[in-house]
C-alpha atoms as a PDB file:
ATOM      1  CA  MET A   1      17.896 -22.034  10.425  1.00  0.00           C
ATOM      2  CA  PRO A   2      15.457 -18.859  11.817  1.00  0.00           C
ATOM      3  CA  LYS A   3      12.146 -17.728  10.306  1.00  0.00           C
ATOM      4  CA  MET A   4      11.809 -15.099   8.022  1.00  0.00           C
ATOM      5  CA  LYS A   5      10.650 -12.150   9.076  1.00  0.00           C
ATOM      6  CA  THR A   6       7.841 -10.362   7.273  1.00  0.00           C
ATOM      7  CA  LYS A   7       8.859  -7.384   7.054  1.00  0.00           C
ATOM      8  CA  ALA A   8       6.976  -4.954   9.714  1.00  0.00           C
ATOM      9  CA  ALA A   9       7.534  -1.686   6.978  1.00  0.00           C
ATOM     10  CA  ALA A  10       5.210  -3.116   4.405  1.00  0.00           C
ATOM     11  CA  ARG A  11       2.940  -5.179   6.967  1.00  0.00           C
ATOM     12  CA  LYS A  12       2.111  -1.584   7.578  1.00  0.00           C
ATOM     13  CA  ARG A  13       1.275   0.045   4.232  1.00  0.00           C
ATOM     14  CA  PHE A  14      -0.521  -2.964   1.880  1.00  0.00           C
ATOM     15  CA  GLU A  15      -3.606  -5.648   2.313  1.00  0.00           C
ATOM     16  CA  PHE A  16      -4.342  -7.986   0.848  1.00  0.00           C
ATOM     17  CA  THR A  17      -7.690  -8.178  -1.276  1.00  0.00           C
ATOM     18  CA  GLY A  18     -10.414 -11.666  -0.962  1.00  0.00           C
ATOM     19  CA  THR A  19      -8.895 -12.557  -4.238  1.00  0.00           C
ATOM     20  CA  GLY A  20      -5.137 -12.199  -3.523  1.00  0.00           C
ATOM     21  CA  ARG A  21      -4.466  -8.658  -4.457  1.00  0.00           C
ATOM     22  CA  ILE A  22      -2.695  -6.469  -2.520  1.00  0.00           C
ATOM     23  CA  LYS A  23      -4.690  -3.495  -1.999  1.00  0.00           C
ATOM     24  CA  ARG A  24      -2.405  -0.070  -1.313  1.00  0.00           C
ATOM     25  CA  LYS A  25      -2.533   4.098   0.066  1.00  0.00           C
ATOM     26  CA  HIS A  26      -2.431   7.027  -1.880  1.00  0.00           C
ATOM     27  CA  ALA A  27       0.861   8.593  -1.131  1.00  0.00           C
ATOM     28  CA  TYR A  28       0.439  13.151  -1.000  1.00  0.00           C
ATOM     29  CA  HIS A  29      -2.659  12.407   1.617  1.00  0.00           C
ATOM     30  CA  SER A  30      -0.816  12.952   4.856  1.00  0.00           C
ATOM     31  CA  HIS A  31       0.265  17.134   5.678  1.00  0.00           C
ATOM     32  CA  ILE A  32       0.991  20.279   3.850  1.00  0.00           C
ATOM     33  CA  LEU A  33      -3.050  19.743   3.026  1.00  0.00           C
ATOM     34  CA  THR A  34      -4.189  22.851   3.103  1.00  0.00           C
ATOM     35  CA  LYS A  35      -2.704  23.998  -0.924  1.00  0.00           C
ATOM     36  CA  LYS A  36      -4.227  20.723  -2.112  1.00  0.00           C
ATOM     37  CA  GLU A  37      -7.722  20.970  -4.425  1.00  0.00           C
ATOM     38  CA  THR A  38     -10.768  19.274  -2.246  1.00  0.00           C
ATOM     39  CA  THR A  39     -11.309  17.283  -5.517  1.00  0.00           C
ATOM     40  CA  GLN A  40      -7.569  15.561  -5.515  1.00  0.00           C
ATOM     41  CA  LYS A  41      -7.700  15.268  -1.516  1.00  0.00           C
ATOM     42  CA  ARG A  42     -10.728  13.392  -2.475  1.00  0.00           C
ATOM     43  CA  ASN A  43      -9.354  11.083  -4.897  1.00  0.00           C
ATOM     44  CA  LEU A  44      -6.476  10.651  -3.001  1.00  0.00           C
ATOM     45  CA  ASP A  45      -8.376   9.252  -0.214  1.00  0.00           C
ATOM     46  CA  HIS A  46      -9.507   6.086  -1.737  1.00  0.00           C
ATOM     47  CA  THR A  47      -7.929   3.202  -2.293  1.00  0.00           C
ATOM     48  CA  ALA A  48      -6.219   1.498  -4.975  1.00  0.00           C
ATOM     49  CA  LEU A  49      -4.064  -2.227  -5.840  1.00  0.00           C
ATOM     50  CA  VAL A  50      -0.678  -2.729  -6.370  1.00  0.00           C
ATOM     51  CA  SER A  51       0.743  -2.988 -10.480  1.00  0.00           C
ATOM     52  CA  ARG A  52       0.794  -6.877 -11.578  1.00  0.00           C
ATOM     53  CA  ASP A  53       4.837  -6.032 -12.115  1.00  0.00           C
ATOM     54  CA  ASP A  54       5.120  -5.005  -8.100  1.00  0.00           C
ATOM     55  CA  GLU A  55       2.619  -7.094  -6.298  1.00  0.00           C
ATOM     56  CA  LYS A  56       5.961 -10.278  -6.541  1.00  0.00           C
ATOM     57  CA  ARG A  57       8.107  -8.075  -4.826  1.00  0.00           C
ATOM     58  CA  VAL A  58       5.142  -7.649  -2.294  1.00  0.00           C
ATOM     59  CA  LYS A  59       4.307 -10.844  -1.629  1.00  0.00           C
ATOM     60  CA  ARG A  60       8.068 -11.178  -0.862  1.00  0.00           C
ATOM     61  CA  MET A  61       8.161  -8.548   1.618  1.00  0.00           C
ATOM     62  CA  LEU A  62       4.698 -10.040   3.639  1.00  0.00           C
ATOM     63  CA  LEU A  63       5.192 -13.619   2.809  1.00  0.00           C
ATOM     64  CA  ALA A  64       8.858 -13.314   3.930  1.00  0.00           C
END
């Protein structure tokens, strides 16, 4: 039986922290930035952690 492949889309979007949590980027920061306030764009620039409810689902995509 062949090995299970990691989901390529998830591999590009998520990253593990040193403690095993999963980092993600904020949405709404890729285009149409002229109408957004500077404060909003600055806050969207930081990384966030995947919520505990979604961690199991994301880990399954990454470690499959």
